[in-house]
Amino acid sequence: LDDITAMQDTFPGAPSTTGLNGRPLSVSALDSHGSSSSGGSSSDGSASDEHSEGEDLIEVAGGLHPRRRPIMRLLDRDASSFQSQGNFNVKHTNQSTVLLWSDIYHVIIHLPLWGLLLLFVMVYVVSFLLFAALWYSIPDSCHTGLETFVEAFYLSVETQMTIGYGVPDPGFRNCSQVLPVLLAQSLTGLVIDAMMIGVIFQHVSCANTRASTVIFSSTAVLQVIDGCVHMIFRVAEMQKQPLLQAVMQVYCVQHHSDDSMPGGVRVEVTAMQLKEPDTDMYNGVLFLGLPTMVVHKVDFSSPLAPSRPIPVGANQPPPTPSGGWSDYPSPQEVKEHLRQRPYLEVLVLLSGTEDATASSIEARHSYTLEDIVWN
């Protein structure tokens, strides 16, 4: 019950959010200008430049949200309670316009609602103007009674929207020139109406906003369990009806210096194996009826750990623990490794099915070095 209460309060103090020496873990995360902040200070806490002067420390149990420095991150954390809106801060360049617009339906469906309404208003106006010109070109022998283009525009609106007919002779004296215009505009109006209703309904019923009701702990914790460091965070469902078959994928994104890559930076994306939920035993399916702990073991196969040390006299690290060699680094080794990272961000992707609409959704969250704390 205490866990549920804490989750409903959007994790104000869960878990303990102080790092070693009472400070958050990060000392080398990027600041708001994209440059590396001060780092590499010793573990005795003698360096005071790990946080700017006057910056608030994270409260342990006071229920206050931490004041974090704005940093460059791949996934936003701009939603309420420091959650994510699911937007990736990625700029796309060198796109093929032909390939992009070949999928015109999904380009339109992802427009904002005001953009969709504006688009269909423009489509209707263009349709009215086009058929107004066709009506105005019909000769007077058809007895349309049109003297100006404005009158032709009114007649075009009345025809397409079926809101009344104000012509002297609704039969147009059996004029054959009126039939194609009248039939084409009636069918065009039906097609535009059907498209507008279908597209707007699909946009409104999209389950993307449902992902905002899946909340994650504000910080992730590095906790030592049986001598091995574990990364732990929590996830909970705010709706009474949890997602069906919810599965989680976790990735670690890092930057490495590489002169052969554009900008001299190589981006590495590595999948992180989860200890809980166990993908072997439970197929990685989460039970969201209660707040759920997600655990990643930081062994030598983890992107959060340094490389396995090479024994003396060996050309490569041993594939399995032997001769007293451990299969996981010590907490101090993990700490020093993370201090040396210029950029590291853990992406969390939780996907599931919403039972009311049978729509698939994906909730997203991320933790940078500023969001990962010790113990």
Protein backbone atom coordinates (compact mmCIF):
# COMPACT_ATOMS: atom_id res chain seq x y z
CA LEU A 1 0.00 0.00 0.00
CA ASP A 2 2.88 2.37 0.71
CA ASP A 3 4.22 1.70 -2.78
CA ILE A 4 0.84 2.45 -4.35
CA THR A 5 0.52 5.71 -2.40
CA ALA A 6 3.99 6.77 -3.44
CA MET A 7 3.26 5.97 -7.09
CA GLN A 8 0.01 7.95 -7.03
CA ASP A 9 2.01 10.93 -5.76
CA THR A 10 4.19 10.60 -8.85
CA PHE A 11 7.23 9.38 -6.94
CA PRO A 12 8.00 12.54 -4.96
CA GLY A 13 10.52 10.73 -2.78
CA ALA A 14 10.96 7.29 -4.28
CA PRO A 15 13.46 5.81 -4.14
CA SER A 16 16.13 7.68 -2.15
CA THR A 17 17.41 10.32 -4.52
CA THR A 18 20.76 11.29 -3.05
CA GLY A 19 23.94 10.01 -4.57
CA LEU A 20 27.33 9.28 -3.12
CA ASN A 21 28.38 12.16 -0.86
CA GLY A 22 24.78 13.37 -0.94
CA ARG A 23 24.94 14.39 -4.60
CA PRO A 24 23.46 13.01 -7.82
CA LEU A 25 25.62 10.64 -9.80
CA SER A 26 26.27 12.76 -12.86
CA VAL A 27 29.37 14.88 -13.09
CA SER A 28 29.85 14.85 -16.86
CA ALA A 29 26.42 15.21 -18.40
CA LEU A 30 26.00 17.83 -21.11
CA ASP A 31 24.76 21.22 -20.03
CA SER A 32 22.18 23.34 -21.84
CA HIS A 33 24.78 24.56 -24.33
CA GLY A 34 25.86 21.02 -25.26
CA SER A 35 29.29 21.33 -23.63
CA SER A 36 30.57 18.86 -21.09
CA SER A 37 30.08 19.98 -17.53
CA SER A 38 32.81 19.66 -14.95
CA GLY A 39 33.65 16.09 -14.04
CA GLY A 40 36.31 13.68 -12.99
CA SER A 41 36.41 14.90 -9.39
CA SER A 42 37.50 12.54 -6.69
CA SER A 43 35.08 10.43 -4.72
CA ASP A 44 35.94 12.12 -1.42
CA GLY A 45 33.69 15.02 -2.26
CA SER A 46 36.48 17.62 -2.18
CA ALA A 47 35.50 19.08 -5.53
CA SER A 48 32.69 21.58 -5.28
CA ASP A 49 32.15 22.29 -8.98
CA GLU A 50 30.00 19.18 -9.62
CA HIS A 51 26.96 21.39 -9.12
CA SER A 52 26.63 25.07 -9.70
CA GLU A 53 26.64 27.24 -6.62
CA GLY A 54 23.22 27.63 -5.08
CA GLU A 55 21.72 24.66 -6.93
CA ASP A 56 19.17 22.74 -4.88
CA LEU A 57 20.08 19.22 -3.88
CA ILE A 58 17.53 16.48 -4.40
CA GLU A 59 15.32 15.99 -1.37
CA VAL A 60 15.34 12.54 0.18
CA ALA A 61 11.88 12.39 1.70
CA GLY A 62 10.62 15.95 1.60
CA GLY A 63 8.34 15.32 -1.36
CA LEU A 64 9.89 18.13 -3.45
CA HIS A 65 10.74 17.68 -7.09
CA PRO A 66 14.46 18.05 -7.82
CA ARG A 67 15.74 21.12 -9.63
CA ARG A 68 17.76 19.77 -12.51
CA ARG A 69 20.01 21.65 -14.81
CA PRO A 70 18.73 21.81 -18.41
CA ILE A 71 20.80 19.33 -20.40
CA MET A 72 20.86 18.00 -23.92
CA ARG A 73 18.91 14.76 -24.13
CA LEU A 74 17.60 12.50 -26.87
CA LEU A 75 14.10 12.10 -25.38
CA ASP A 76 12.28 15.02 -23.83
CA ARG A 77 11.19 15.19 -20.19
CA ASP A 78 8.93 18.23 -20.63
CA ALA A 79 5.61 16.78 -19.48
CA SER A 80 4.06 17.29 -16.07
CA SER A 81 5.89 15.79 -13.06
CA PHE A 82 9.06 15.51 -15.16
CA GLN A 83 7.55 12.82 -17.37
CA SER A 84 8.13 12.56 -21.12
CA GLN A 85 5.89 13.64 -23.96
CA GLY A 86 7.51 10.97 -26.12
CA ASN A 87 9.23 13.40 -28.50
CA PHE A 88 12.72 12.61 -29.75
CA ASN A 89 15.04 15.60 -30.15
CA VAL A 90 16.27 14.48 -33.55
CA LYS A 91 16.61 16.70 -36.61
CA HIS A 92 16.04 14.84 -39.87
CA THR A 93 18.13 15.94 -42.85
CA ASN A 94 18.58 14.74 -46.44
CA GLN A 95 15.07 13.33 -46.53
CA SER A 96 13.52 12.13 -49.78
CA THR A 97 10.43 14.25 -50.34
CA VAL A 98 9.13 11.79 -52.91
CA LEU A 99 9.30 8.86 -50.48
CA LEU A 100 7.86 10.93 -47.64
CA TRP A 101 4.85 12.15 -49.58
CA SER A 102 4.22 8.74 -51.11
CA ASP A 103 2.70 7.96 -47.71
CA ILE A 104 0.47 11.04 -47.80
CA TYR A 105 -2.21 9.50 -45.58
CA HIS A 106 0.07 9.11 -42.54
CA VAL A 107 1.65 12.51 -43.20
CA ILE A 108 -1.81 14.07 -42.92
CA ILE A 109 -3.00 11.92 -40.02
CA HIS A 110 -0.08 13.06 -37.86
CA LEU A 111 -0.83 16.74 -38.35
CA PRO A 112 -2.14 18.55 -35.26
CA LEU A 113 -5.90 18.91 -34.98
CA TRP A 114 -5.86 22.59 -35.88
CA GLY A 115 -3.75 21.73 -38.93
CA LEU A 116 -6.28 19.11 -40.05
CA LEU A 117 -9.20 21.53 -39.66
CA LEU A 118 -7.33 24.24 -41.56
CA LEU A 119 -6.45 21.77 -44.31
CA PHE A 120 -10.05 20.69 -44.86
CA VAL A 121 -11.30 24.30 -44.78
CA MET A 122 -8.86 25.04 -47.59
CA VAL A 123 -10.00 21.94 -49.50
CA TYR A 124 -13.65 23.01 -49.22
CA VAL A 125 -12.90 26.59 -50.29
CA VAL A 126 -10.88 25.43 -53.29
CA SER A 127 -13.68 23.07 -54.27
CA PHE A 128 -16.28 25.85 -53.99
CA LEU A 129 -14.18 28.22 -56.09
CA LEU A 130 -13.42 25.62 -58.77
CA PHE A 131 -17.05 24.66 -59.28
CA ALA A 132 -18.13 28.29 -59.02
CA ALA A 133 -15.99 28.97 -62.07
CA LEU A 134 -17.62 26.02 -63.88
CA TRP A 135 -21.11 27.25 -62.97
CA TYR A 136 -20.25 30.76 -64.13
CA SER A 137 -19.06 29.40 -67.50
CA ILE A 138 -22.46 27.81 -68.24
CA PRO A 139 -24.33 29.90 -70.86
CA ASP A 140 -27.47 31.85 -70.01
CA SER A 141 -29.50 29.54 -72.23
CA CYS A 142 -29.47 27.00 -69.36
CA HIS A 143 -31.43 29.51 -67.29
CA THR A 144 -29.06 29.48 -64.26
CA GLY A 145 -29.81 33.12 -63.49
CA LEU A 146 -26.17 33.89 -62.66
CA GLU A 147 -24.99 37.43 -63.38
CA THR A 148 -21.86 37.69 -61.20
CA PHE A 149 -19.16 35.32 -59.94
CA VAL A 150 -20.34 35.86 -56.37
CA GLU A 151 -23.74 34.44 -57.32
CA ALA A 152 -21.97 31.49 -58.93
CA PHE A 153 -20.01 30.94 -55.70
CA TYR A 154 -23.25 30.92 -53.67
CA LEU A 155 -24.75 28.40 -56.08
CA SER A 156 -21.61 26.24 -55.76
CA VAL A 157 -21.88 26.19 -51.96
CA GLU A 158 -25.61 25.40 -52.09
CA THR A 159 -25.04 22.55 -54.52
CA GLN A 160 -22.17 20.89 -52.65
CA MET A 161 -23.59 21.34 -49.15
CA THR A 162 -27.24 20.68 -50.19
CA ILE A 163 -28.55 23.64 -48.19
CA GLY A 164 -31.15 24.85 -50.68
CA TYR A 165 -31.47 25.73 -54.31
CA GLY A 166 -32.14 29.23 -55.56
CA VAL A 167 -32.22 28.93 -59.35
CA PRO A 168 -35.23 29.96 -61.43
CA ASP A 169 -35.54 26.51 -62.99
CA PRO A 170 -34.22 23.51 -60.99
CA GLY A 171 -34.36 21.48 -64.22
CA PHE A 172 -32.17 24.02 -66.07
CA ARG A 173 -34.42 23.59 -69.12
CA ASN A 174 -32.89 20.12 -69.70
CA CYS A 175 -29.55 21.75 -70.50
CA SER A 176 -26.93 19.04 -71.06
CA GLN A 177 -24.08 21.34 -69.98
CA VAL A 178 -25.32 21.49 -66.38
CA LEU A 179 -25.50 17.74 -65.76
CA PRO A 180 -21.70 17.04 -65.63
CA VAL A 181 -21.08 20.00 -63.31
CA LEU A 182 -23.95 19.13 -60.99
CA LEU A 183 -23.04 15.44 -60.81
CA ALA A 184 -19.29 16.07 -60.35
CA GLN A 185 -19.79 18.57 -57.54
CA SER A 186 -22.26 16.35 -55.69
CA LEU A 187 -19.89 13.37 -55.77
CA THR A 188 -16.88 15.55 -54.88
CA GLY A 189 -18.72 16.85 -51.83
CA LEU A 190 -19.50 13.32 -50.67
CA VAL A 191 -15.85 12.25 -51.04
CA ILE A 192 -14.51 15.29 -49.15
CA ASP A 193 -17.06 14.80 -46.34
CA ALA A 194 -16.11 11.13 -45.98
CA MET A 195 -12.39 11.90 -45.95
CA MET A 196 -12.77 14.64 -43.36
CA ILE A 197 -14.86 12.52 -40.99
CA GLY A 198 -12.57 9.50 -41.33
CA VAL A 199 -9.28 11.38 -40.91
CA ILE A 200 -10.43 13.49 -37.96
CA PHE A 201 -11.97 10.48 -36.21
CA GLN A 202 -8.76 8.50 -36.67
CA HIS A 203 -6.73 11.42 -35.34
CA VAL A 204 -8.94 11.98 -32.29
CA SER A 205 -9.20 8.27 -31.45
CA CYS A 206 -5.42 7.78 -31.70
CA ALA A 207 -4.12 6.18 -28.50
CA ASN A 208 -0.93 8.25 -28.25
CA THR A 209 -2.35 10.33 -25.42
CA ARG A 210 -3.07 7.12 -23.51
CA ALA A 211 0.68 6.73 -23.05
CA SER A 212 0.72 9.77 -20.74
CA THR A 213 -1.11 7.75 -18.08
CA VAL A 214 1.84 5.35 -17.79
CA ILE A 215 4.24 7.06 -15.39
CA PHE A 216 7.85 6.33 -14.52
CA SER A 217 9.92 7.14 -11.47
CA SER A 218 11.56 10.52 -11.75
CA THR A 219 14.99 9.05 -11.11
CA ALA A 220 16.66 5.69 -11.57
CA VAL A 221 18.72 4.17 -8.77
CA LEU A 222 22.07 2.38 -8.83
CA GLN A 223 21.87 -0.01 -5.89
CA VAL A 224 24.44 -2.57 -4.77
CA ILE A 225 22.88 -6.02 -4.26
CA ASP A 226 25.16 -8.91 -3.24
CA GLY A 227 28.17 -6.89 -4.32
CA CYS A 228 26.81 -6.19 -7.84
CA VAL A 229 25.41 -2.87 -8.98
CA HIS A 230 21.80 -2.94 -10.21
CA MET A 231 19.93 -0.15 -11.99
CA ILE A 232 16.36 0.07 -10.73
CA PHE A 233 13.38 2.26 -11.61
CA ARG A 234 9.63 1.97 -11.25
CA VAL A 235 6.68 2.18 -13.62
CA ALA A 236 2.98 2.39 -12.82
CA GLU A 237 -0.38 2.63 -14.57
CA MET A 238 -2.74 5.46 -13.61
CA GLN A 239 -5.81 4.08 -15.36
CA LYS A 240 -8.03 1.53 -13.64
CA GLN A 241 -7.78 -0.68 -16.72
CA PRO A 242 -4.08 -1.43 -17.25
CA LEU A 243 -2.53 -2.05 -20.63
CA LEU A 244 -2.71 -5.55 -22.00
CA GLN A 245 0.46 -7.54 -22.70
CA ALA A 246 2.73 -4.68 -21.71
CA VAL A 247 6.36 -5.34 -22.59
CA MET A 248 9.41 -3.18 -22.01
CA GLN A 249 12.60 -2.54 -23.96
CA VAL A 250 15.52 -0.58 -22.53
CA TYR A 251 18.38 0.89 -24.56
CA CYS A 252 21.53 2.76 -23.63
CA VAL A 253 22.66 5.58 -25.94
CA GLN A 254 26.27 6.74 -25.67
CA HIS A 255 28.59 9.03 -27.58
CA HIS A 256 32.15 8.01 -28.46
CA SER A 257 34.88 10.07 -30.11
CA ASP A 258 35.48 8.81 -33.64
CA ASP A 259 37.22 10.97 -36.25
CA SER A 260 35.86 8.79 -39.06
CA MET A 261 32.26 9.77 -38.25
CA PRO A 262 30.55 13.09 -39.14
CA GLY A 263 31.22 15.56 -36.37
CA GLY A 264 33.79 13.24 -34.83
CA VAL A 265 31.13 11.48 -32.73
CA ARG A 266 29.89 7.91 -33.01
CA VAL A 267 26.49 7.18 -31.50
CA GLU A 268 26.19 3.75 -29.91
CA VAL A 269 22.78 2.25 -29.12
CA THR A 270 22.90 -0.92 -27.00
CA ALA A 271 20.01 -3.03 -25.73
CA MET A 272 20.02 -3.60 -21.97
CA GLN A 273 19.12 -7.04 -20.62
CA LEU A 274 16.52 -6.87 -17.85
CA LYS A 275 16.67 -9.00 -14.73
CA GLU A 276 13.10 -8.02 -13.84
CA PRO A 277 10.84 -8.62 -15.67
CA ASP A 278 12.53 -11.86 -16.65
CA THR A 279 12.25 -12.30 -20.41
CA ASP A 280 13.00 -16.02 -20.14
CA MET A 281 10.40 -16.86 -17.51
CA TYR A 282 7.68 -14.28 -18.14
CA ASN A 283 8.42 -13.32 -21.77
CA GLY A 284 9.09 -9.82 -20.49
CA VAL A 285 5.39 -9.09 -19.87
CA LEU A 286 4.77 -6.55 -17.10
CA PHE A 287 1.92 -6.71 -14.59
CA LEU A 288 0.76 -3.10 -14.39
CA GLY A 289 -2.02 -3.71 -11.89
CA LEU A 290 0.53 -2.62 -9.26
CA PRO A 291 3.63 -0.42 -9.43
CA THR A 292 6.38 -2.52 -10.95
CA MET A 293 10.10 -2.51 -10.33
CA VAL A 294 12.34 -2.82 -13.39
CA VAL A 295 15.84 -4.12 -12.63
CA HIS A 296 18.95 -4.25 -14.82
CA LYS A 297 22.06 -6.03 -13.55
CA VAL A 298 25.26 -4.12 -14.31
CA ASP A 299 27.62 -6.95 -15.23
CA PHE A 300 30.41 -6.82 -17.79
CA SER A 301 27.90 -7.27 -20.62
CA SER A 302 26.04 -4.12 -19.54
CA PRO A 303 26.68 -0.82 -21.37
CA LEU A 304 26.81 0.84 -17.93
CA ALA A 305 29.91 -1.19 -16.98
CA PRO A 306 33.52 -0.82 -18.05
CA SER A 307 35.22 -3.43 -20.21
CA ARG A 308 36.19 -6.69 -18.56
CA PRO A 309 39.79 -6.51 -17.31
CA ILE A 310 42.34 -8.71 -19.04
CA PRO A 311 44.20 -11.14 -16.77
CA VAL A 312 47.98 -10.91 -16.67
CA GLY A 313 49.49 -12.97 -19.47
CA ALA A 314 46.20 -13.31 -21.40
CA ASN A 315 45.49 -11.81 -24.81
CA GLN A 316 41.78 -11.31 -24.17
CA PRO A 317 39.36 -11.32 -21.23
CA PRO A 318 38.13 -14.73 -20.04
CA PRO A 319 34.69 -15.61 -21.47
CA THR A 320 33.47 -16.90 -18.07
CA PRO A 321 34.43 -16.17 -14.48
CA SER A 322 37.38 -18.33 -13.49
CA GLY A 323 40.38 -18.18 -11.26
CA GLY A 324 38.72 -15.72 -8.91
CA TRP A 325 37.62 -13.36 -11.68
CA SER A 326 34.16 -11.87 -11.16
CA ASP A 327 31.53 -11.57 -13.89
CA TYR A 328 30.58 -8.07 -12.75
CA PRO A 329 32.53 -4.92 -11.92
CA SER A 330 32.81 -3.47 -8.45
CA PRO A 331 30.63 -0.47 -7.49
CA GLN A 332 33.71 1.76 -7.53
CA GLU A 333 34.58 0.65 -11.07
CA VAL A 334 31.03 1.40 -12.23
CA LYS A 335 31.15 4.77 -10.56
CA GLU A 336 34.44 5.74 -12.19
CA HIS A 337 33.26 4.46 -15.57
CA LEU A 338 30.09 6.56 -15.51
CA ARG A 339 32.03 9.63 -14.38
CA GLN A 340 34.08 9.41 -17.57
CA ARG A 341 31.07 9.23 -19.90
CA PRO A 342 30.61 12.49 -21.89
CA TYR A 343 26.99 11.53 -22.63
CA LEU A 344 24.85 8.59 -21.60
CA GLU A 345 21.08 8.22 -21.75
CA VAL A 346 18.93 5.21 -20.93
CA LEU A 347 15.79 5.00 -23.09
CA VAL A 348 12.79 3.11 -21.76
CA LEU A 349 10.08 2.01 -24.21
CA LEU A 350 6.93 0.37 -22.83
CA SER A 351 4.43 -0.91 -25.39
CA GLY A 352 1.03 -2.48 -24.87
CA THR A 353 -2.55 -2.69 -26.10
CA GLU A 354 -5.36 -0.45 -24.91
CA ASP A 355 -8.36 -2.69 -24.32
CA ALA A 356 -11.15 -0.21 -25.20
CA THR A 357 -9.91 0.57 -28.72
CA ALA A 358 -7.48 -2.35 -29.27
CA SER A 359 -4.87 0.26 -30.22
CA SER A 360 -1.19 -0.25 -29.65
CA ILE A 361 0.57 2.46 -27.65
CA GLU A 362 4.14 3.12 -26.61
CA ALA A 363 5.07 5.03 -23.46
CA ARG A 364 8.57 6.50 -23.48
CA HIS A 365 10.92 7.70 -20.79
CA SER A 366 14.63 8.33 -20.40
CA TYR A 367 17.27 8.73 -17.74
CA THR A 368 20.46 10.70 -18.31
CA LEU A 369 23.37 10.76 -15.90
CA GLU A 370 21.58 13.64 -14.18
CA ASP A 371 18.65 11.33 -13.44
CA ILE A 372 20.59 8.31 -12.14
CA VAL A 373 21.49 8.39 -8.47
CA TRP A 374 23.22 6.05 -6.06
CA ASN A 375 21.43 4.11 -3.32
